[in-house]
PDB file of N, CA and C in Angstrom:
ATOM      1  N   UNK A   1     -10.971  -2.332  -3.059  1.00  0.00           N
ATOM      2  CA  UNK A   1     -10.794  -2.483  -4.454  1.00  0.00           C
ATOM      3  C   UNK A   1      -9.497  -3.379  -4.147  1.00  0.00           C
ATOM      4  N   UNK A   2      -9.054  -4.433  -4.448  1.00  0.00           N
ATOM      5  CA  UNK A   2      -8.251  -5.245  -5.215  1.00  0.00           C
ATOM      6  C   UNK A   2      -7.472  -4.977  -5.209  1.00  0.00           C
ATOM      7  N   UNK A   3      -5.935  -4.897  -5.209  1.00  0.00           N
ATOM      8  CA  UNK A   3      -4.497  -5.321  -6.719  1.00  0.00           C
ATOM      9  C   UNK A   3      -5.299  -6.863  -7.006  1.00  0.00           C
ATOM     10  N   UNK A   4      -5.114  -6.181  -8.031  1.00  0.00           N
ATOM     11  CA  UNK A   4      -5.521  -7.845  -9.145  1.00  0.00           C
ATOM     12  C   UNK A   4      -6.446  -8.617  -9.677  1.00  0.00           C
ATOM     13  N   UNK A   5      -8.111  -7.151  -8.759  1.00  0.00           N
ATOM     14  CA  UNK A   5      -9.142  -7.275  -8.964  1.00  0.00           C
ATOM     15  C   UNK A   5      -9.706  -7.745 -10.730  1.00  0.00           C
ATOM     16  N   UNK A   6     -10.269  -8.218 -11.807  1.00  0.00           N
ATOM     17  CA  UNK A   6     -11.087  -8.311 -12.412  1.00  0.00           C
ATOM     18  C   UNK A   6     -11.734  -7.548 -12.873  1.00  0.00           C
ATOM     19  N   UNK A   7     -12.466  -7.147 -13.451  1.00  0.00           N
ATOM     20  CA  UNK A   7     -13.617  -5.743 -13.812  1.00  0.00           C
ATOM     21  C   UNK A   7     -13.673  -6.645 -15.741  1.00  0.00           C
ATOM     22  N   UNK A   8     -14.914  -5.791 -15.653  1.00  0.00           N
ATOM     23  CA  UNK A   8     -14.748  -6.171 -16.834  1.00  0.00           C
ATOM     24  C   UNK A   8     -15.013  -4.884 -17.337  1.00  0.00           C
ATOM     25  N   UNK A   9     -15.024  -5.317 -18.616  1.00  0.00           N
ATOM     26  CA  UNK A   9     -14.128  -3.541 -19.425  1.00  0.00           C
ATOM     27  C   UNK A   9     -15.412  -2.666 -19.771  1.00  0.00           C
ATOM     28  N   UNK A  10     -15.557  -1.382 -19.595  1.00  0.00           N
ATOM     29  CA  UNK A  10     -16.788  -0.874 -18.896  1.00  0.00           C
ATOM     30  C   UNK A  10     -16.732   0.080 -20.809  1.00  0.00           C
ATOM     31  N   UNK A  11     -16.243  -0.179 -21.254  1.00  0.00           N
ATOM     32  CA  UNK A  11     -16.028   0.428 -22.554  1.00  0.00           C
ATOM     33  C   UNK A  11     -17.177  -0.376 -23.322  1.00  0.00           C
ATOM     34  N   UNK A  12     -18.235  -0.272 -24.032  1.00  0.00           N
ATOM     35  CA  UNK A  12     -18.783  -1.415 -24.934  1.00  0.00           C
ATOM     36  C   UNK A  12     -17.957  -1.071 -26.919  1.00  0.00           C
ATOM     37  N   UNK A  13     -17.343  -0.360 -27.159  1.00  0.00           N
ATOM     38  CA  UNK A  13     -16.290  -0.169 -28.706  1.00  0.00           C
ATOM     39  C   UNK A  13     -14.853  -0.589 -28.098  1.00  0.00           C
ATOM     40  N   UNK A  14     -15.204  -1.088 -27.266  1.00  0.00           N
ATOM     41  CA  UNK A  14     -13.370  -2.343 -27.292  1.00  0.00           C
ATOM     42  C   UNK A  14     -13.293  -3.326 -26.715  1.00  0.00           C
ATOM     43  N   UNK A  15     -14.833  -3.584 -25.744  1.00  0.00           N
ATOM     44  CA  UNK A  15     -14.977  -4.891 -24.647  1.00  0.00           C
ATOM     45  C   UNK A  15     -14.519  -6.094 -25.335  1.00  0.00           C
ATOM     46  N   UNK A  16     -15.353  -6.390 -26.928  1.00  0.00           N
ATOM     47  CA  UNK A  16     -15.245  -7.783 -27.794  1.00  0.00           C
ATOM     48  C   UNK A  16     -14.156  -8.059 -27.652  1.00  0.00           C
ATOM     49  N   UNK A  17     -12.622  -7.782 -28.015  1.00  0.00           N
ATOM     50  CA  UNK A  17     -10.954  -7.719 -27.811  1.00  0.00           C
ATOM     51  C   UNK A  17     -10.276  -7.775 -26.429  1.00  0.00           C
ATOM     52  N   UNK A  18     -11.182  -7.123 -25.805  1.00  0.00           N
ATOM     53  CA  UNK A  18     -11.020  -6.313 -24.424  1.00  0.00           C
ATOM     54  C   UNK A  18     -11.753  -7.226 -23.403  1.00  0.00           C
ATOM     55  N   UNK A  19     -11.804  -7.694 -23.087  1.00  0.00           N
ATOM     56  CA  UNK A  19     -13.835  -8.358 -22.114  1.00  0.00           C
ATOM     57  C   UNK A  19     -12.672  -7.774 -20.113  1.00  0.00           C
ATOM     58  N   UNK A  20     -12.168  -7.511 -19.916  1.00  0.00           N
ATOM     59  CA  UNK A  20     -11.799  -7.628 -18.914  1.00  0.00           C
ATOM     60  C   UNK A  20     -10.840  -6.944 -18.465  1.00  0.00           C
ATOM     61  N   UNK A  21     -10.158  -5.740 -17.791  1.00  0.00           N
ATOM     62  CA  UNK A  21      -9.777  -4.580 -16.937  1.00  0.00           C
ATOM     63  C   UNK A  21      -8.899  -5.523 -15.565  1.00  0.00           C
ATOM     64  N   UNK A  22      -7.591  -5.261 -15.798  1.00  0.00           N
ATOM     65  CA  UNK A  22      -7.221  -5.818 -14.446  1.00  0.00           C
ATOM     66  C   UNK A  22      -6.721  -5.008 -13.486  1.00  0.00           C
ATOM     67  N   UNK A  23      -7.085  -4.461 -12.672  1.00  0.00           N
ATOM     68  CA  UNK A  23      -6.764  -3.790 -11.608  1.00  0.00           C
ATOM     69  C   UNK A  23      -4.820  -3.585 -10.588  1.00  0.00           C
ATOM     70  N   UNK A  24      -3.881  -3.412 -11.311  1.00  0.00           N
ATOM     71  CA  UNK A  24      -2.463  -3.263 -10.619  1.00  0.00           C
ATOM     72  C   UNK A  24      -2.030  -3.090  -9.405  1.00  0.00           C
ATOM     73  N   UNK A  25      -2.989  -1.459  -9.821  1.00  0.00           N
ATOM     74  CA  UNK A  25      -2.640  -0.117  -8.137  1.00  0.00           C
ATOM     75  C   UNK A  25      -2.495  -0.938  -6.862  1.00  0.00           C
ATOM     76  N   UNK A  26      -1.976  -0.829  -6.397  1.00  0.00           N
ATOM     77  CA  UNK A  26      -1.572  -1.114  -5.099  1.00  0.00           C
ATOM     78  C   UNK A  26      -2.473  -0.388  -4.228  1.00  0.00           C
ATOM     79  N   UNK A  27      -3.023  -1.012  -3.287  1.00  0.00           N
ATOM     80  CA  UNK A  27      -3.777  -0.812  -1.725  1.00  0.00           C
ATOM     81  C   UNK A  27      -3.715  -0.169  -1.229  1.00  0.00           C
ATOM     82  N   UNK A  28      -1.890   0.440  -1.463  1.00  0.00           N
ATOM     83  CA  UNK A  28      -2.133   0.985  -0.459  1.00  0.00           C
ATOM     84  C   UNK A  28      -2.502   2.914  -0.917  1.00  0.00           C
ATOM     85  N   UNK A  29      -3.000   2.621  -1.947  1.00  0.00           N
ATOM     86  CA  UNK A  29      -2.803   4.640  -2.575  1.00  0.00           C
ATOM     87  C   UNK A  29      -4.063   4.221  -3.180  1.00  0.00           C
ATOM     88  N   UNK A  30      -4.533   4.506  -2.284  1.00  0.00           N
ATOM     89  CA  UNK A  30      -6.816   3.603  -2.581  1.00  0.00           C
ATOM     90  C   UNK A  30      -7.262   5.820  -2.794  1.00  0.00           C
ATOM     91  N   UNK A  31      -6.300   6.752  -2.381  1.00  0.00           N
ATOM     92  CA  UNK A  31      -6.488   8.469  -2.080  1.00  0.00           C
ATOM     93  C   UNK A  31      -6.807   8.807  -3.684  1.00  0.00           C
ATOM     94  N   UNK A  32      -6.493   8.624  -4.384  1.00  0.00           N
ATOM     95  CA  UNK A  32      -6.517   8.539  -5.842  1.00  0.00           C
ATOM     96  C   UNK A  32      -7.651   8.234  -6.163  1.00  0.00           C
ATOM     97  N   UNK A  33      -8.545   9.444  -7.431  1.00  0.00           N
ATOM     98  CA  UNK A  33      -9.282   9.273  -8.114  1.00  0.00           C
ATOM     99  C   UNK A  33      -9.204   8.382  -9.795  1.00  0.00           C
ATOM    100  N   UNK A  34      -7.788   7.363  -9.393  1.00  0.00           N
ATOM    101  CA  UNK A  34      -7.988   6.538 -10.751  1.00  0.00           C
ATOM    102  C   UNK A  34      -7.127   5.298 -10.233  1.00  0.00           C
ATOM    103  N   UNK A  35      -6.769   4.550 -11.508  1.00  0.00           N
ATOM    104  CA  UNK A  35      -5.719   2.931 -10.886  1.00  0.00           C
ATOM    105  C   UNK A  35      -5.617   2.959 -12.193  1.00  0.00           C
ATOM    106  N   UNK A  36      -4.134   2.536 -11.689  1.00  0.00           N
ATOM    107  CA  UNK A  36      -3.707   1.695 -12.574  1.00  0.00           C
ATOM    108  C   UNK A  36      -3.821   0.153 -13.402  1.00  0.00           C
ATOM    109  N   UNK A  37      -4.057   0.497 -14.425  1.00  0.00           N
ATOM    110  CA  UNK A  37      -4.849  -0.334 -15.056  1.00  0.00           C
ATOM    111  C   UNK A  37      -3.820  -1.181 -16.532  1.00  0.00           C
ATOM    112  N   UNK A  38      -4.436  -2.542 -16.759  1.00  0.00           N
ATOM    113  CA  UNK A  38      -3.912  -3.327 -17.316  1.00  0.00           C
ATOM    114  C   UNK A  38      -5.036  -4.027 -18.920  1.00  0.00           C
ATOM    115  N   UNK A  39      -5.180  -4.717 -19.991  1.00  0.00           N
ATOM    116  CA  UNK A  39      -6.072  -4.895 -20.658  1.00  0.00           C
ATOM    117  C   UNK A  39      -5.829  -6.320 -20.462  1.00  0.00           C
ATOM    118  N   UNK A  40      -6.615  -7.011 -20.224  1.00  0.00           N
ATOM    119  CA  UNK A  40      -6.608  -9.155 -20.614  1.00  0.00           C
ATOM    120  C   UNK A  40      -7.987  -9.068 -22.506  1.00  0.00           C
ATOM    121  N   UNK A  41      -6.820  -9.679 -22.395  1.00  0.00           N
ATOM    122  CA  UNK A  41      -7.492  -8.974 -24.277  1.00  0.00           C
ATOM    123  C   UNK A  41      -7.828 -10.757 -24.963  1.00  0.00           C
ATOM    124  N   UNK A  42      -8.373 -11.011 -25.418  1.00  0.00           N
ATOM    125  CA  UNK A  42      -8.851 -12.404 -25.730  1.00  0.00           C
ATOM    126  C   UNK A  42      -7.566 -12.722 -26.295  1.00  0.00           C
ATOM    127  N   UNK A  43      -7.114 -13.904 -26.667  1.00  0.00           N
ATOM    128  CA  UNK A  43      -5.678 -14.388 -27.217  1.00  0.00           C
ATOM    129  C   UNK A  43      -5.878 -14.283 -28.437  1.00  0.00           C
ATOM    130  N   UNK A  44      -7.251 -15.204 -29.150  1.00  0.00           N
ATOM    131  CA  UNK A  44      -6.889 -14.968 -30.567  1.00  0.00           C
ATOM    132  C   UNK A  44      -6.834 -14.015 -32.002  1.00  0.00           C
ATOM    133  N   UNK A  45      -7.602 -13.292 -31.323  1.00  0.00           N
ATOM    134  CA  UNK A  45      -7.465 -11.263 -31.646  1.00  0.00           C
ATOM    135  C   UNK A  45      -6.160 -11.372 -31.542  1.00  0.00           C
ATOM    136  N   UNK A  46      -4.643 -10.943 -30.547  1.00  0.00           N
ATOM    137  CA  UNK A  46      -3.722 -10.048 -30.863  1.00  0.00           C
ATOM    138  C   UNK A  46      -2.457 -12.075 -31.519  1.00  0.00           C
ATOM    139  N   UNK A  47      -2.720 -12.420 -31.842  1.00  0.00           N
ATOM    140  CA  UNK A  47      -1.754 -13.646 -31.991  1.00  0.00           C
ATOM    141  C   UNK A  47      -0.665 -12.968 -32.110  1.00  0.00           C
ATOM    142  N   UNK A  48      -0.295 -12.021 -32.913  1.00  0.00           N
ATOM    143  CA  UNK A  48       1.039 -10.949 -33.032  1.00  0.00           C
ATOM    144  C   UNK A  48       1.843 -10.362 -31.817  1.00  0.00           C
ATOM    145  N   UNK A  49       0.565 -10.655 -30.982  1.00  0.00           N
ATOM    146  CA  UNK A  49       0.946  -9.518 -29.970  1.00  0.00           C
ATOM    147  C   UNK A  49       2.058 -10.222 -28.813  1.00  0.00           C
ATOM    148  N   UNK A  50       1.257 -11.528 -28.702  1.00  0.00           N
ATOM    149  CA  UNK A  50       2.443 -12.517 -27.758  1.00  0.00           C
ATOM    150  C   UNK A  50       3.239 -12.196 -27.856  1.00  0.00           C
ATOM    151  N   UNK A  51       3.427 -11.648 -26.230  1.00  0.00           N
ATOM    152  CA  UNK A  51       5.561 -12.352 -26.072  1.00  0.00           C
ATOM    153  C   UNK A  51       5.791 -12.775 -25.172  1.00  0.00           C
ATOM    154  N   UNK A  52       5.960 -13.775 -24.783  1.00  0.00           N
ATOM    155  CA  UNK A  52       6.207 -14.885 -23.138  1.00  0.00           C
ATOM    156  C   UNK A  52       6.459 -13.939 -21.627  1.00  0.00           C
ATOM    157  N   UNK A  53       6.924 -13.103 -22.175  1.00  0.00           N
ATOM    158  CA  UNK A  53       7.824 -12.558 -21.221  1.00  0.00           C
ATOM    159  C   UNK A  53       6.551 -11.217 -20.769  1.00  0.00           C
ATOM    160  N   UNK A  54       6.380 -10.257 -21.379  1.00  0.00           N
ATOM    161  CA  UNK A  54       5.941  -9.962 -21.714  1.00  0.00           C
ATOM    162  C   UNK A  54       4.141  -8.990 -21.761  1.00  0.00           C
ATOM    163  N   UNK A  55       3.886 -10.100 -21.608  1.00  0.00           N
ATOM    164  CA  UNK A  55       2.279 -10.471 -21.942  1.00  0.00           C
ATOM    165  C   UNK A  55       2.079 -11.697 -21.933  1.00  0.00           C
ATOM    166  N   UNK A  56       2.206 -12.237 -20.459  1.00  0.00           N
ATOM    167  CA  UNK A  56       1.816 -13.756 -20.435  1.00  0.00           C
ATOM    168  C   UNK A  56      -0.162 -13.931 -20.684  1.00  0.00           C
ATOM    169  N   UNK A  57       0.077 -15.427 -20.654  1.00  0.00           N
ATOM    170  CA  UNK A  57      -0.986 -15.824 -21.352  1.00  0.00           C
ATOM    171  C   UNK A  57      -1.228 -16.391 -19.366  1.00  0.00           C
ATOM    172  N   UNK A  58      -3.016 -15.369 -19.810  1.00  0.00           N
ATOM    173  CA  UNK A  58      -3.573 -15.898 -18.143  1.00  0.00           C
ATOM    174  C   UNK A  58      -4.620 -17.126 -18.665  1.00  0.00           C
ATOM    175  N   UNK A  59      -5.324 -17.877 -17.911  1.00  0.00           N
ATOM    176  CA  UNK A  59      -6.401 -18.302 -18.049  1.00  0.00           C
ATOM    177  C   UNK A  59      -8.268 -18.093 -17.441  1.00  0.00           C
ATOM    178  N   UNK A  60      -9.030 -16.641 -17.941  1.00  0.00           N
ATOM    179  CA  UNK A  60     -10.220 -16.940 -16.921  1.00  0.00           C
ATOM    180  C   UNK A  60     -10.940 -17.486 -18.155  1.00  0.00           C
ATOM    181  N   UNK A  61     -11.975 -17.785 -16.594  1.00  0.00           N
ATOM    182  CA  UNK A  61     -13.428 -18.404 -16.986  1.00  0.00           C
ATOM    183  C   UNK A  61     -12.597 -18.965 -18.378  1.00  0.00           C
ATOM    184  N   UNK A  62     -12.199 -19.900 -18.372  1.00  0.00           N
ATOM    185  CA  UNK A  62     -12.477 -21.021 -19.136  1.00  0.00           C
ATOM    186  C   UNK A  62     -11.727 -20.167 -20.937  1.00  0.00           C
ATOM    187  N   UNK A  63     -10.796 -18.976 -21.169  1.00  0.00           N
ATOM    188  CA  UNK A  63     -10.804 -18.523 -22.103  1.00  0.00           C
ATOM    189  C   UNK A  63      -9.791 -18.172 -22.349  1.00  0.00           C
ATOM    190  N   UNK A  64      -8.368 -17.864 -22.849  1.00  0.00           N
ATOM    191  CA  UNK A  64      -6.806 -17.471 -22.902  1.00  0.00           C
ATOM    192  C   UNK A  64      -6.850 -15.872 -23.281  1.00  0.00           C
ATOM    193  N   UNK A  65      -6.435 -15.910 -22.431  1.00  0.00           N
ATOM    194  CA  UNK A  65      -6.202 -14.015 -21.985  1.00  0.00           C
ATOM    195  C   UNK A  65      -4.431 -13.663 -22.406  1.00  0.00           C
ATOM    196  N   UNK A  66      -4.638 -12.446 -23.244  1.00  0.00           N
ATOM    197  CA  UNK A  66      -3.707 -12.220 -22.621  1.00  0.00           C
ATOM    198  C   UNK A  66      -3.160 -10.773 -21.990  1.00  0.00           C
ATOM    199  N   UNK A  67      -2.201 -10.905 -21.147  1.00  0.00           N
ATOM    200  CA  UNK A  67      -2.199  -9.973 -19.846  1.00  0.00           C
ATOM    201  C   UNK A  67      -1.483  -8.633 -21.076  1.00  0.00           C
ATOM    202  N   UNK A  68      -2.217  -7.933 -21.579  1.00  0.00           N
ATOM    203  CA  UNK A  68      -1.502  -6.603 -22.467  1.00  0.00           C
ATOM    204  C   UNK A  68      -0.705  -5.685 -21.840  1.00  0.00           C
ATOM    205  N   UNK A  69       0.375  -6.490 -21.069  1.00  0.00           N
ATOM    206  CA  UNK A  69       1.454  -5.468 -20.335  1.00  0.00           C
ATOM    207  C   UNK A  69       1.636  -3.432 -20.567  1.00  0.00           C
ATOM    208  N   UNK A  70       1.695  -3.911 -22.416  1.00  0.00           N
ATOM    209  CA  UNK A  70       2.544  -3.004 -23.504  1.00  0.00           C
ATOM    210  C   UNK A  70       1.518  -1.757 -22.833  1.00  0.00           C
ATOM    211  N   UNK A  71      -0.026  -2.059 -23.442  1.00  0.00           N
ATOM    212  CA  UNK A  71      -1.262  -0.988 -23.278  1.00  0.00           C
ATOM    213  C   UNK A  71      -1.313  -0.785 -22.047  1.00  0.00           C
ATOM    214  N   UNK A  72      -1.096  -0.720 -20.525  1.00  0.00           N
ATOM    215  CA  UNK A  72      -1.118  -0.276 -19.427  1.00  0.00           C
ATOM    216  C   UNK A  72      -1.807   1.186 -19.219  1.00  0.00           C
ATOM    217  N   UNK A  73      -2.970   1.032 -18.625  1.00  0.00           N
ATOM    218  CA  UNK A  73      -3.047   2.900 -18.550  1.00  0.00           C
ATOM    219  C   UNK A  73      -3.595   3.264 -16.479  1.00  0.00           C
ATOM    220  N   UNK A  74      -4.218   4.308 -17.440  1.00  0.00           N
ATOM    221  CA  UNK A  74      -4.502   4.317 -15.728  1.00  0.00           C
ATOM    222  C   UNK A  74      -7.055   5.077 -16.903  1.00  0.00           C
ATOM    223  N   UNK A  75      -7.365   4.952 -15.365  1.00  0.00           N
ATOM    224  CA  UNK A  75      -8.863   4.899 -15.429  1.00  0.00           C
ATOM    225  C   UNK A  75      -9.179   5.287 -14.033  1.00  0.00           C
ATOM    226  N   UNK A  76     -10.334   6.300 -14.424  1.00  0.00           N
ATOM    227  CA  UNK A  76     -11.377   6.552 -12.947  1.00  0.00           C
ATOM    228  C   UNK A  76     -12.241   5.109 -12.466  1.00  0.00           C
ATOM    229  N   UNK A  77     -11.555   5.273 -11.179  1.00  0.00           N
ATOM    230  CA  UNK A  77     -12.005   4.545 -10.062  1.00  0.00           C
ATOM    231  C   UNK A  77     -13.652   4.028 -10.448  1.00  0.00           C
ATOM    232  N   UNK A  78     -13.858   5.773 -10.888  1.00  0.00           N
ATOM    233  CA  UNK A  78     -15.963   4.926 -10.862  1.00  0.00           C
ATOM    234  C   UNK A  78     -15.943   4.525 -12.403  1.00  0.00           C
ATOM    235  N   UNK A  79     -15.276   4.504 -12.941  1.00  0.00           N
ATOM    236  CA  UNK A  79     -15.478   3.180 -13.741  1.00  0.00           C
ATOM    237  C   UNK A  79     -14.998   2.462 -13.970  1.00  0.00           C
ATOM    238  N   UNK A  80     -14.876   1.584 -13.180  1.00  0.00           N
ATOM    239  CA  UNK A  80     -14.802   0.586 -12.183  1.00  0.00           C
ATOM    240  C   UNK A  80     -15.754  -0.096 -11.659  1.00  0.00           C
ATOM    241  N   UNK A  81     -16.122  -1.072 -11.552  1.00  0.00           N
ATOM    242  CA  UNK A  81     -17.918  -1.430 -10.353  1.00  0.00           C
ATOM    243  C   UNK A  81     -17.588  -2.173 -10.082  1.00  0.00           C
ATOM    244  N   UNK A  82     -17.909  -2.968  -9.578  1.00  0.00           N
ATOM    245  CA  UNK A  82     -17.920  -4.653  -9.549  1.00  0.00           C
ATOM    246  C   UNK A  82     -16.995  -5.463  -9.880  1.00  0.00           C
ATOM    247  N   UNK A  83     -15.619  -5.724  -9.320  1.00  0.00           N
ATOM    248  CA  UNK A  83     -15.043  -6.664  -9.792  1.00  0.00           C
ATOM    249  C   UNK A  83     -15.852  -8.233 -10.056  1.00  0.00           C
ATOM    250  N   UNK A  84     -15.068  -8.763 -11.117  1.00  0.00           N
ATOM    251  CA  UNK A  84     -15.963 -10.097 -10.958  1.00  0.00           C
ATOM    252  C   UNK A  84     -15.122 -11.415 -11.030  1.00  0.00           C
ATOM    253  N   UNK A  85     -13.987 -11.030 -10.650  1.00  0.00           N
ATOM    254  CA  UNK A  85     -12.798 -12.175 -10.030  1.00  0.00           C
ATOM    255  C   UNK A  85     -11.743 -11.534  -9.703  1.00  0.00           C
ATOM    256  N   UNK A  86     -10.506 -12.687 -10.147  1.00  0.00           N
ATOM    257  CA  UNK A  86      -9.384 -11.735  -9.469  1.00  0.00           C
ATOM    258  C   UNK A  86      -8.131 -12.813  -9.959  1.00  0.00           C
ATOM    259  N   UNK A  87      -7.502 -12.567 -10.204  1.00  0.00           N
ATOM    260  CA  UNK A  87      -6.062 -13.347 -11.036  1.00  0.00           C
ATOM    261  C   UNK A  87      -5.177 -13.397  -9.743  1.00  0.00           C
ATOM    262  N   UNK A  88      -4.947 -12.554  -8.581  1.00  0.00           N
ATOM    263  CA  UNK A  88      -3.989 -12.830  -7.705  1.00  0.00           C
ATOM    264  C   UNK A  88      -2.847 -13.071  -7.771  1.00  0.00           C
ATOM    265  N   UNK A  89      -3.129 -14.855  -7.877  1.00  0.00           N
ATOM    266  CA  UNK A  89      -3.068 -15.755  -7.830  1.00  0.00           C
ATOM    267  C   UNK A  89      -1.340 -15.754  -9.397  1.00  0.00           C
ATOM    268  N   UNK A  90      -1.846 -15.563  -9.970  1.00  0.00           N
ATOM    269  CA  UNK A  90      -0.968 -14.754 -11.454  1.00  0.00           C
ATOM    270  C   UNK A  90       0.053 -13.929 -11.121  1.00  0.00           C
ATOM    271  N   UNK A  91       0.144 -13.736  -9.377  1.00  0.00           N
ATOM    272  CA  UNK A  91       1.161 -11.860  -9.388  1.00  0.00           C
ATOM    273  C   UNK A  91       2.957 -12.035  -9.808  1.00  0.00           C
ATOM    274  N   UNK A  92       2.949 -13.323  -8.994  1.00  0.00           N
ATOM    275  CA  UNK A  92       4.140 -13.429 -10.157  1.00  0.00           C
ATOM    276  C   UNK A  92       4.805 -13.017 -11.377  1.00  0.00           C
ATOM    277  N   UNK A  93       3.246 -13.767 -12.150  1.00  0.00           N
ATOM    278  CA  UNK A  93       3.257 -12.784 -13.322  1.00  0.00           C
ATOM    279  C   UNK A  93       3.730 -11.692 -13.891  1.00  0.00           C
ATOM    280  N   UNK A  94       2.673 -11.182 -13.469  1.00  0.00           N
ATOM    281  CA  UNK A  94       2.438 -10.023 -13.283  1.00  0.00           C
ATOM    282  C   UNK A  94       3.133  -8.996 -13.038  1.00  0.00           C
ATOM    283  N   UNK A  95       3.449  -9.143 -11.459  1.00  0.00           N
ATOM    284  CA  UNK A  95       4.770  -7.822 -11.896  1.00  0.00           C
ATOM    285  C   UNK A  95       6.069  -8.552 -12.807  1.00  0.00           C
ATOM    286  N   UNK A  96       6.961  -9.785 -12.900  1.00  0.00           N
ATOM    287  CA  UNK A  96       7.917 -10.043 -14.143  1.00  0.00           C
ATOM    288  C   UNK A  96       7.492  -9.270 -14.655  1.00  0.00           C
ATOM    289  N   UNK A  97       6.178  -9.140 -15.611  1.00  0.00           N
ATOM    290  CA  UNK A  97       5.816  -8.762 -16.758  1.00  0.00           C
ATOM    291  C   UNK A  97       6.156  -7.049 -16.762  1.00  0.00           C
ATOM    292  N   UNK A  98       5.182  -7.417 -15.500  1.00  0.00           N
ATOM    293  CA  UNK A  98       6.185  -5.215 -15.379  1.00  0.00           C
ATOM    294  C   UNK A  98       7.721  -4.933 -15.471  1.00  0.00           C
ATOM    295  N   UNK A  99       8.022  -5.615 -14.444  1.00  0.00           N
ATOM    296  CA  UNK A  99       9.578  -5.827 -14.236  1.00  0.00           C
ATOM    297  C   UNK A  99      10.215  -5.670 -16.056  1.00  0.00           C
ATOM    298  N   UNK A 100       9.529  -6.597 -16.605  1.00  0.00           N
ATOM    299  CA  UNK A 100      10.473  -6.450 -17.536  1.00  0.00           C
ATOM    300  C   UNK A 100      10.579  -5.449 -18.965  1.00  0.00           C
ATOM    301  N   UNK A 101       8.731  -4.720 -19.126  1.00  0.00           N
ATOM    302  CA  UNK A 101       8.443  -3.701 -19.168  1.00  0.00           C
ATOM    303  C   UNK A 101       9.236  -2.694 -19.344  1.00  0.00           C
ATOM    304  N   UNK A 102       9.595  -2.987 -18.082  1.00  0.00           N
ATOM    305  CA  UNK A 102      10.537  -1.551 -17.560  1.00  0.00           C
ATOM    306  C   UNK A 102      12.188  -1.239 -17.242  1.00  0.00           C
ATOM    307  N   UNK A 103      12.401  -2.526 -16.712  1.00  0.00           N
ATOM    308  CA  UNK A 103      14.389  -2.534 -17.147  1.00  0.00           C
ATOM    309  C   UNK A 103      14.773  -3.467 -18.344  1.00  0.00           C
ATOM    310  N   UNK A 104      13.771  -4.503 -19.415  1.00  0.00           N
ATOM    311  CA  UNK A 104      14.197  -5.752 -20.206  1.00  0.00           C
ATOM    312  C   UNK A 104      14.916  -6.805 -19.578  1.00  0.00           C
ATOM    313  N   UNK A 105      14.783  -6.832 -18.006  1.00  0.00           N
ATOM    314  CA  UNK A 105      15.420  -8.180 -17.236  1.00  0.00           C
ATOM    315  C   UNK A 105      14.266  -8.778 -17.065  1.00  0.00           C
TER     316      UNK A 105
END
């Protein structure tokens, strides 16, 4: 399980709005049974939630998504099955959004 791996949302109820989950937890913390995750939401359904620095836009599988940093959560590892991709190339944007959420800078 790698940092910034993308998983299909295991929750059928929320999958339409939040199709993907991103594992943001460092690989060095692997012994606990949960992972820190952020949902990727369909941008079209969350236009009022878009805040450039806090919810960066991610293009994934030809779709515009928002990384909803304010909805950061933890999820049991067993719910995160096989990764379907990675957004590790957006590491700087993700870390900057997390930093903005925590420090306001």
